[in-house]
Each structure stands twice: as C-alpha cells, then as structure tokens.
Protein backbone atom coordinates (compact mmCIF):
# COMPACT_ATOMS: atom_id res chain seq x y z
CA MET A 1 84.62 98.03 120.28
CA ASP A 2 81.09 98.61 121.52
CA PHE A 3 79.51 95.63 119.74
CA ILE A 4 81.51 92.84 121.38
CA GLU A 5 79.70 92.54 124.72
CA PRO A 6 76.19 92.76 123.15
CA ILE A 7 77.22 90.06 120.65
CA LEU A 8 78.39 87.74 123.43
CA SER A 9 75.22 88.45 125.38
CA VAL A 10 72.96 87.58 122.43
CA ALA A 11 74.98 84.41 121.82
CA SER A 12 74.33 83.30 125.42
CA GLU A 13 70.62 84.02 124.96
CA ILE A 14 70.57 81.87 121.83
CA TYR A 15 72.17 78.91 123.65
CA ALA A 16 69.58 79.18 126.42
CA LEU A 17 66.68 79.40 123.97
CA VAL A 18 67.87 76.37 122.02
CA GLU A 19 67.45 74.25 125.16
CA LYS A 20 63.80 75.35 125.41
CA VAL A 21 62.65 74.83 121.82
CA LYS A 22 59.58 72.66 121.31
CA ALA A 23 60.17 71.80 117.66
CA ASN A 24 62.90 71.81 115.02
CA ARG A 25 65.51 71.05 117.68
CA LYS A 26 68.05 69.74 115.19
CA ARG A 27 67.88 72.85 113.02
CA CYS A 28 68.06 75.10 116.07
CA HIS A 29 71.17 73.26 117.28
CA ARG A 30 72.81 73.76 113.89
CA VAL A 31 72.23 77.49 114.25
CA SER A 32 73.65 77.30 117.77
CA ASP A 33 76.79 75.55 116.50
CA ARG A 34 77.42 78.31 113.97
CA VAL A 35 76.86 80.95 116.62
CA LYS A 36 79.38 79.17 118.86
CA ALA A 37 82.04 79.36 116.14
CA LEU A 38 81.33 83.06 115.73
CA GLU A 39 81.46 83.60 119.49
CA GLU A 40 84.95 82.08 119.67
CA LEU A 41 86.07 84.40 116.89
CA VAL A 42 84.63 87.43 118.67
CA ARG A 43 86.30 86.43 121.95
CA SER A 44 89.65 86.26 120.19
CA ILE A 45 89.03 89.82 118.97
CA ARG A 46 88.16 90.96 122.50
CA GLN A 47 91.46 89.57 123.82
CA ARG A 48 93.38 91.91 121.55
CA GLU A 49 91.06 94.91 121.95
CA MET A 50 94.02 96.97 123.18
CA PHE A 51 94.90 97.42 119.52
CA GLN A 52 93.04 100.00 117.46
CA SER A 53 90.48 98.25 115.28
CA SER A 54 89.90 99.02 111.63
CA ASP A 55 86.68 100.41 110.18
CA GLU A 56 86.20 97.14 108.31
CA LEU A 57 86.36 95.10 111.52
CA GLU A 58 83.95 97.48 113.27
CA LYS A 59 81.53 97.19 110.36
CA SER A 60 81.74 93.38 110.40
CA LEU A 61 80.97 93.29 114.13
CA LYS A 62 78.02 95.64 113.70
CA GLU A 63 76.56 93.46 110.93
CA LEU A 64 77.14 90.32 113.00
CA SER A 65 75.23 91.88 115.91
CA ILE A 66 72.23 92.43 113.64
CA THR A 67 72.40 88.88 112.27
CA LEU A 68 72.58 87.33 115.74
CA LYS A 69 69.54 89.29 116.92
CA SER A 70 67.67 87.94 113.91
CA ALA A 71 68.79 84.40 114.81
CA GLU A 72 67.60 84.94 118.38
CA GLN A 73 64.13 85.96 117.17
CA LEU A 74 63.96 82.95 114.86
CA ILE A 75 64.74 80.46 117.62
CA LYS A 76 62.52 82.22 120.14
CA LYS A 77 59.49 81.42 117.98
CA TYR A 78 60.09 77.71 118.54
CA THR A 79 59.96 78.12 122.31
CA LEU A 80 56.43 79.54 122.20
CA ALA A 81 53.67 76.95 122.09
CA ASN A 82 51.20 79.18 120.27
CA TRP A 83 53.73 79.74 117.48
CA VAL A 84 54.93 76.17 117.00
CA GLU A 85 51.80 74.65 115.46
CA ARG A 86 51.31 77.63 113.18
CA ILE A 87 54.94 77.46 111.99
CA LEU A 88 55.00 73.71 111.46
CA ASN A 89 51.91 73.95 109.26
CA SER A 90 53.92 76.19 106.97
CA SER A 91 56.84 75.11 104.79
CA SER A 92 58.54 78.48 105.21
CA HIS A 93 60.41 77.38 108.34
CA GLU A 94 62.82 75.31 106.26
CA ASP A 95 63.70 78.33 104.14
CA GLU A 96 64.11 80.44 107.27
CA PHE A 97 66.69 78.09 108.76
CA LYS A 98 68.51 77.71 105.46
CA SER A 99 68.70 81.47 105.03
CA MET A 100 69.84 81.99 108.63
CA ASN A 101 72.59 79.37 108.38
CA GLU A 102 73.83 80.96 105.17
CA ARG A 103 73.91 84.40 106.79
CA LEU A 104 75.81 83.06 109.80
CA SER A 105 78.31 81.30 107.54
CA ASP A 106 78.76 84.48 105.52
CA ALA A 107 79.23 86.46 108.73
CA PHE A 108 81.97 84.06 109.82
CA GLN A 109 83.82 84.44 106.52
CA VAL A 110 83.51 88.24 106.52
CA LEU A 111 84.63 88.55 110.14
CA SER A 112 87.50 86.11 109.61
CA GLY A 113 88.64 88.11 106.59
CA ALA A 114 88.44 91.40 108.47
CA LEU A 115 90.38 89.92 111.39
CA GLN A 116 93.02 88.55 109.02
CA VAL A 117 93.54 92.00 107.55
CA GLU A 118 93.65 93.44 111.07
CA GLN A 119 96.34 90.95 112.05
CA GLY A 120 98.23 91.91 108.91
CA ASN A 121 98.17 95.51 110.12
CA MET A 122 99.83 94.36 113.34
CA LEU A 123 102.85 92.90 111.57
CA SER A 124 106.10 94.42 112.72
CA TRP A 125 108.21 96.39 110.27
CA THR A 126 110.80 93.62 110.47
CA LYS A 127 108.18 91.12 109.25
CA LYS A 128 107.07 93.47 106.49
CA ALA A 129 110.67 94.01 105.37
CA CYS A 130 111.13 90.22 105.31
CA MET A 131 108.03 89.90 103.14
CA CYS A 132 109.45 92.45 100.72
CA LEU A 133 112.79 90.61 100.68
CA ASP A 134 111.15 87.24 99.97
CA ALA A 135 109.16 88.77 97.13
CA ALA A 136 112.19 90.62 95.73
CA GLN A 137 114.13 87.36 95.60
CA GLY A 138 111.32 85.88 93.51
CA LEU A 139 111.38 88.92 91.26
CA TYR A 140 115.15 88.55 90.86
CA ARG A 141 114.73 84.91 89.82
CA SER A 142 112.13 86.01 87.30
CA SER A 143 114.51 88.64 85.91
CA GLN A 144 117.14 85.92 85.47
CA GLY A 145 114.85 83.91 83.25
CA THR A 146 113.22 81.61 85.80
CA GLU A 147 109.66 80.70 84.93
CA VAL A 148 107.19 82.91 86.76
CA SER A 149 105.30 79.90 88.09
CA ALA A 150 108.50 78.58 89.66
CA CYS A 151 109.01 81.89 91.44
CA TRP A 152 105.85 81.29 93.44
CA ASP A 153 107.85 79.07 95.80
CA CYS A 154 109.45 82.23 97.19
CA PHE A 155 106.09 83.67 98.13
CA GLN A 156 104.76 80.86 100.30
CA PRO A 157 105.83 82.64 103.52
CA ILE A 158 103.95 85.72 102.35
CA GLU A 159 100.89 83.63 101.66
CA CYS A 160 101.03 82.43 105.27
CA TRP A 161 101.47 85.91 106.71
CA TYR A 162 98.91 87.69 104.59
CA LEU A 163 96.93 85.92 101.91
CA GLY A 164 95.87 89.06 100.11
CA VAL A 165 99.39 90.29 99.47
CA GLY A 166 100.51 86.82 98.44
CA ARG A 167 97.86 86.72 95.75
CA THR A 168 98.67 90.26 94.70
CA ILE A 169 102.35 89.46 94.20
CA ASN A 170 101.55 86.34 92.22
CA LYS A 171 99.14 88.35 90.06
CA VAL A 172 101.73 91.04 89.44
CA LEU A 173 104.35 88.50 88.41
CA MET A 174 101.92 87.05 85.90
CA PHE A 175 101.24 90.61 84.77
CA PHE A 176 105.00 91.06 84.22
CA SER A 177 105.06 87.87 82.17
CA GLN A 178 102.22 89.09 79.98
CA LEU A 179 103.84 92.44 79.44
CA GLY A 180 107.15 90.83 78.58
CA GLY A 181 105.40 88.89 75.82
CA LEU A 182 103.53 92.03 74.75
CA GLU A 183 100.23 90.22 75.23
CA LEU A 184 98.59 93.41 76.45
CA VAL A 185 98.08 95.68 73.48
CA GLU A 186 96.49 98.94 74.60
CA THR A 187 96.68 102.55 73.59
CA GLU A 188 97.03 105.58 75.81
CA MET A 189 93.43 106.52 75.08
CA SER A 190 92.03 103.10 76.01
CA LEU A 191 94.02 103.18 79.24
CA LYS A 192 92.57 106.57 80.12
CA LYS A 193 89.05 105.41 79.36
CA SER A 194 89.36 102.08 81.18
CA THR A 195 86.31 101.39 83.35
CA ASN A 196 86.54 97.61 83.78
CA HIS A 197 87.50 96.72 87.37
CA LYS A 198 90.15 94.17 86.37
CA GLU A 199 91.69 96.58 83.86
CA THR A 200 91.78 99.32 86.48
CA ARG A 201 93.44 96.97 88.97
CA SER A 202 96.17 96.27 86.40
CA LEU A 203 96.67 99.98 85.80
CA CYS A 204 97.48 100.43 89.49
CA TYR A 205 100.77 98.62 88.85
CA SER A 206 101.61 100.31 85.56
CA SER A 207 104.62 102.63 85.40
CA PRO A 208 104.31 106.15 83.96
CA GLN A 209 106.10 104.91 80.84
CA MET A 210 103.61 102.09 80.33
CA LEU A 211 100.66 104.38 80.91
CA SER A 212 102.05 106.57 78.16
CA ASP A 213 102.88 103.66 75.85
CA ILE A 214 101.78 100.14 76.80
CA SER A 215 104.39 98.62 74.48
CA HIS A 216 107.13 100.33 76.49
CA TYR A 217 107.95 97.27 78.59
CA SER A 218 111.25 97.12 80.43
CA LYS A 219 112.82 95.78 83.60
CA GLU A 220 112.49 99.29 85.01
CA CYS A 221 108.74 99.20 84.41
CA GLU A 222 108.66 95.86 86.16
CA MET A 223 110.46 97.40 89.13
CA TYR A 224 107.90 100.21 89.34
CA SER A 225 105.11 97.63 89.55
CA PHE A 226 107.01 95.84 92.27
CA GLY A 227 107.35 99.11 94.17
CA ILE A 228 103.55 99.30 94.29
CA VAL A 229 103.46 95.79 95.75
CA MET A 230 105.97 96.83 98.42
CA TRP A 231 103.76 99.83 99.17
CA GLU A 232 100.83 97.43 99.68
CA VAL A 233 102.88 95.38 102.14
CA ALA A 234 103.82 98.52 104.06
CA THR A 235 100.37 100.12 104.18
CA ARG A 236 97.96 97.12 104.07
CA LYS A 237 95.92 99.09 101.52
CA ARG A 238 94.93 98.73 97.89
CA PRO A 239 96.76 101.07 95.52
CA PHE A 240 94.70 103.95 94.14
CA GLU A 241 91.57 102.69 95.87
CA GLY A 242 88.43 104.00 94.19
CA CYS A 243 90.28 105.63 91.28
CA SER A 244 89.23 105.15 87.67
CA GLY A 245 91.72 104.38 84.92
CA GLU A 246 91.69 108.01 83.83
CA GLU A 247 92.34 109.20 87.39
CA ILE A 248 95.26 106.79 87.78
CA TYR A 249 96.71 108.04 84.49
CA LYS A 250 96.42 111.65 85.64
CA LYS A 251 97.95 111.01 89.06
CA VAL A 252 100.83 108.78 87.96
CA TYR A 253 101.74 110.09 84.51
CA GLU A 254 100.75 113.75 84.61
CA GLU A 255 101.13 114.67 88.29
CA ARG A 256 103.96 112.22 89.17
CA TYR A 257 102.03 111.37 92.32
CA GLN A 258 103.15 108.74 94.85
CA GLU A 259 100.72 107.45 97.46
CA PRO A 260 102.09 108.19 100.95
CA LEU A 261 103.69 105.67 103.29
CA PRO A 262 102.81 105.31 107.00
CA ASP A 263 104.49 107.84 109.27
CA ASP A 264 106.21 105.08 111.25
CA CYS A 265 107.68 103.34 108.19
CA PRO A 266 111.45 102.87 108.71
CA GLU A 267 113.23 105.51 106.65
CA PRO A 268 115.50 103.07 104.73
CA LEU A 269 112.50 100.93 103.73
CA GLY A 270 110.57 104.03 102.68
CA HIS A 271 113.49 105.18 100.54
CA LEU A 272 113.60 101.79 98.78
CA ILE A 273 109.86 101.75 98.12
CA ASN A 274 109.93 105.28 96.75
CA ALA A 275 112.99 104.50 94.63
CA CYS A 276 111.14 101.59 93.04
CA ARG A 277 108.16 103.90 92.38
CA ALA A 278 110.34 106.70 90.97
CA TYR A 279 108.91 108.48 87.94
CA ASP A 280 112.11 108.19 85.90
CA ASN A 281 113.33 104.77 84.80
CA PHE A 282 116.98 105.38 85.64
CA GLN A 283 116.20 106.13 89.31
CA ARG A 284 114.75 102.67 89.97
CA PRO A 285 117.06 99.93 91.32
CA SER A 286 117.65 96.63 89.57
CA ALA A 287 116.18 93.48 91.11
CA GLY A 288 119.62 92.38 92.30
CA VAL A 289 120.41 95.69 93.97
CA LEU A 290 116.98 95.72 95.61
CA VAL A 291 117.56 92.25 97.07
CA ASP A 292 120.95 93.30 98.45
CA LYS A 293 119.58 96.46 100.05
CA LEU A 294 116.56 94.69 101.53
CA ARG A 295 118.77 91.95 102.95
CA THR A 296 120.91 94.60 104.67
CA LEU A 297 117.81 96.39 105.95
CA VAL A 298 116.29 93.19 107.38
CA ALA A 299 119.54 92.43 109.21
CA GLN A 300 119.54 95.94 110.71
CA LEU A 301 115.92 95.69 111.83
CA GLU A 302 116.48 92.27 113.40
CA GLU A 303 119.35 93.66 115.47
CA ARG A 304 117.12 96.27 117.10
C-alpha cells in the first residue's frame, strides 16, 4: 500500500507544525489529536500489510492522504507571521477549522469501516461456517413460531464479527416476517420496474417464485433468501451489486443465475449455499436440516 508511508510522514509534519503555531493553538491541537487517531489506525493497517488489501481500503487511504495534506497546509499558515494577522482579521478561520475537523472525523469513520470489511475478509472458513450456523439456528427458531425479534439473540456473535452481515440477517428476518403476513403486495411488472434502492435491495433476497408472484410465500422461499445471506457471509459482497430490479428478475427468474462463490470455499459449505439458492423449491433444505448439516460441517472444519 503505497499511501501508508506518505500518510505517516505528513502526520509527523503536522505534529511538528502544531508546536510552532503563533495563533489558534487550541484549534490546531484539536486537529493534531484527530490526526493522531488516524495515524494509529493507519499503523494498525501497516502491521497487517502482508494481506492483500481491498480496493475500498486503498481508496480510503488515498483520500486520507489528500485530507492530511490539506490539514498540513492549514496549520502551516499559522506558523507564518505574515499570514497570522491577515487570517485573524478574517472570520473564515473558524469555518476552516470546523470543516477540517469534520473531514478528519469523516476520514476516520470511512477508514474504520473499510478496515472492518477488510478484517471480515480475513475470517477463516471455520468462522464463516459458524456464522452461518448461528444464523441458521435463528432461522429455525423463526420457522418454529418464535418471534422474529427474539431470534436476534442468536445473531449477536455475528454482529461482533461483522456488523454489516449482522444487520443484513436481521433485515432479512424482518423481510420474512413481512412476507409471511403478506404485507408486501407487488406484481411481477412492478418488481421488474423497481428503481427504488430499498426495493431493489429487497429483491436481491427474493426467490424465483416470489419474483414471479409476490404472494407466493413459503418456507422454501424463506430458505432461498437465507441462502443469499449465507452467500454474503462467504463472499463479503453485496448480492447483485449494481443491478436494477429488472436485471435481478432476468438473472434469477429467467436465467436461473447464481452468483459464484470464492474458489477456496469449502466444498460442503458451497453445496449447502447453492442448495439453499436452488431454483426449484423442492431442492432447498428445511431450516432444521440446514442446521444439522452446518453443525456437522463446523465440527469437521474445527478438527482440521
């Protein structure tokens, strides 16, 4: 990652400049504190640089490098005597510091999020299989009549391992609940024409049968949706990223398309995920059978 050393170098320059400022010392120190937090985050990334970084992490580091150079230029102005009087006579310096602090805070959140996803990518297949098992147990409880909200207890470990997937699973369970009550009343044509982002995100989890007829809700349709969630756990990607509702309909219903799994995915886990995403209802396992098979798989992976 080519941006790490320049980022650390600029951070050091900022600390040195802050000690030389002739005005607005308190504001400059606030900027320095935020830079320090970012530096610690970047150093933690450098320690694990042996792992291949994602495009998102690379982009976040590149943007951070630009932001830090801007912060350096801002603070440098307050070390130059001929600039200080001119700046202090203007009220714009307050807005400058406010804007810079906001950008540094945003950079920290973006970089933290990118690193969190990166760490999710580093999860072992045993961990990912455990995540699928925990989620499947919650799905099984739901299929036995347990309130969906109560099932969330099963997903707390997932929330710890990877927040994004935890939220996704919770969202899908609520989606199941809505479908079970037939609260979503759509036609095939409205599904195909769907352009709203939230609607499209829901379509990503819809079985071929539901894309054809939204009122066709069944436990098998529920299992298909859960198969998409398992695919997310395995790949660390969003399903049908960038596809419109019409494109999802064409891929899933007309072409019977399944998004591919990673090449290193354990074969038994891949078979289970694909079985859950099977085009035909009768090929998908029940929640109970899925739990049993995942439990066996986890035990096998832990023995390796």
